[in-house]
Amino acid sequence: MSLTVVNDWESVPLFTGLPDEAQFWESHQIALRLMQTSLVGTDTNESTTITLRMDPRMLSRLKRLARQRYLNYQSMLKQWVAERLEKELD
């Protein structure tokens, strides 16, 4: 069974209830690009660009893991650093 790919949120109708929504999602899926832009907000106003040297194999593994979670690898890395920072400061 081939699912119809939703490429923009305007393509998703307003649902009258859960059964209506469930029926829609049985035959549709969200495009990866749309999922990523929804999960990763831009915070360019409050960010500073840095350079981080990393082993290429480690970077590859990081990118693969981020893709599996439908995240941008840089955003996932920032989240991990923020979580660890909070843990260290407790």
Protein backbone atom coordinates (compact mmCIF):
# COMPACT_ATOMS: atom_id res chain seq x y z
CA MET A 1 0.00 0.00 0.00
CA SER A 2 1.43 3.35 -1.02
CA LEU A 3 0.85 6.33 1.25
CA THR A 4 0.19 9.83 -0.01
CA VAL A 5 2.95 12.20 1.12
CA VAL A 6 1.88 15.43 2.82
CA ASN A 7 4.32 18.17 1.76
CA ASP A 8 2.64 21.14 3.44
CA TRP A 9 0.33 21.60 6.42
CA GLU A 10 -2.36 23.15 4.23
CA SER A 11 -2.89 19.69 2.74
CA VAL A 12 -4.04 18.33 6.10
CA PRO A 13 -7.79 18.89 6.51
CA LEU A 14 -9.54 19.92 9.70
CA PHE A 15 -10.90 16.78 11.33
CA THR A 16 -14.31 16.36 12.92
CA GLY A 17 -12.98 13.77 15.40
CA LEU A 18 -10.41 11.10 16.12
CA PRO A 19 -11.93 8.46 13.79
CA ASP A 20 -11.83 10.99 10.93
CA GLU A 21 -8.19 11.83 11.68
CA ALA A 22 -7.21 8.16 12.04
CA GLN A 23 -8.74 7.36 8.66
CA PHE A 24 -6.76 10.19 7.04
CA TRP A 25 -3.41 9.09 8.52
CA GLU A 26 -3.96 5.48 7.45
CA SER A 27 -3.41 6.63 3.86
CA HIS A 28 -1.08 9.64 4.35
CA GLN A 29 2.37 10.33 5.76
CA ILE A 30 4.25 13.54 6.52
CA ALA A 31 7.22 14.34 4.27
CA LEU A 32 10.56 14.13 6.06
CA ARG A 33 11.36 17.76 5.18
CA LEU A 34 8.08 18.94 6.68
CA MET A 35 8.66 16.88 9.81
CA GLN A 36 12.14 18.32 10.28
CA THR A 37 11.01 21.92 9.88
CA SER A 38 8.24 21.30 12.39
CA LEU A 39 10.50 19.75 15.00
CA VAL A 40 13.43 22.09 14.62
CA GLY A 41 12.64 25.71 15.38
CA THR A 42 15.06 28.38 14.31
CA ASP A 43 16.72 30.38 17.04
CA THR A 44 19.12 32.40 14.93
CA ASN A 45 18.46 35.57 16.93
CA GLU A 46 19.93 34.03 20.06
CA SER A 47 22.62 31.72 18.66
CA THR A 48 26.34 32.02 18.22
CA THR A 49 28.07 30.02 15.51
CA ILE A 50 30.96 27.85 16.70
CA THR A 51 33.35 25.42 15.06
CA LEU A 52 33.59 21.93 16.49
CA ARG A 53 36.05 19.40 15.12
CA MET A 54 34.75 15.84 15.28
CA ASP A 55 35.84 12.42 14.13
CA PRO A 56 34.08 11.76 10.77
CA ARG A 57 32.77 8.38 11.94
CA MET A 58 31.29 9.93 15.05
CA LEU A 59 29.65 12.65 12.99
CA SER A 60 28.22 10.05 10.63
CA ARG A 61 26.74 8.11 13.54
CA LEU A 62 25.32 11.32 15.02
CA LYS A 63 23.66 12.26 11.72
CA ARG A 64 22.21 8.77 11.30
CA LEU A 65 20.73 8.82 14.81
CA ALA A 66 19.26 12.29 14.25
CA ARG A 67 17.64 11.17 10.98
CA GLN A 68 16.04 8.23 12.77
CA ARG A 69 14.51 10.73 15.20
CA TYR A 70 13.47 13.15 12.42
CA LEU A 71 15.77 15.83 13.82
CA ASN A 72 18.50 18.06 12.50
CA TYR A 73 21.77 16.67 13.89
CA GLN A 74 22.97 20.09 15.04
CA SER A 75 19.77 20.72 16.97
CA MET A 76 19.95 17.28 18.54
CA LEU A 77 23.55 17.93 19.58
CA LYS A 78 22.56 21.29 21.12
CA GLN A 79 19.77 19.55 23.03
CA TRP A 80 22.21 16.94 24.37
CA VAL A 81 24.68 19.62 25.48
CA ALA A 82 21.90 21.60 27.18
CA GLU A 83 20.64 18.49 29.00
CA ARG A 84 24.13 17.57 30.17
CA LEU A 85 24.85 21.14 31.25
CA GLU A 86 21.72 21.16 33.40
CA LYS A 87 22.73 17.82 34.92
CA GLU A 88 26.25 19.06 35.69
CA LEU A 89 24.96 22.27 37.28
CA ASP A 90 22.57 20.43 39.65
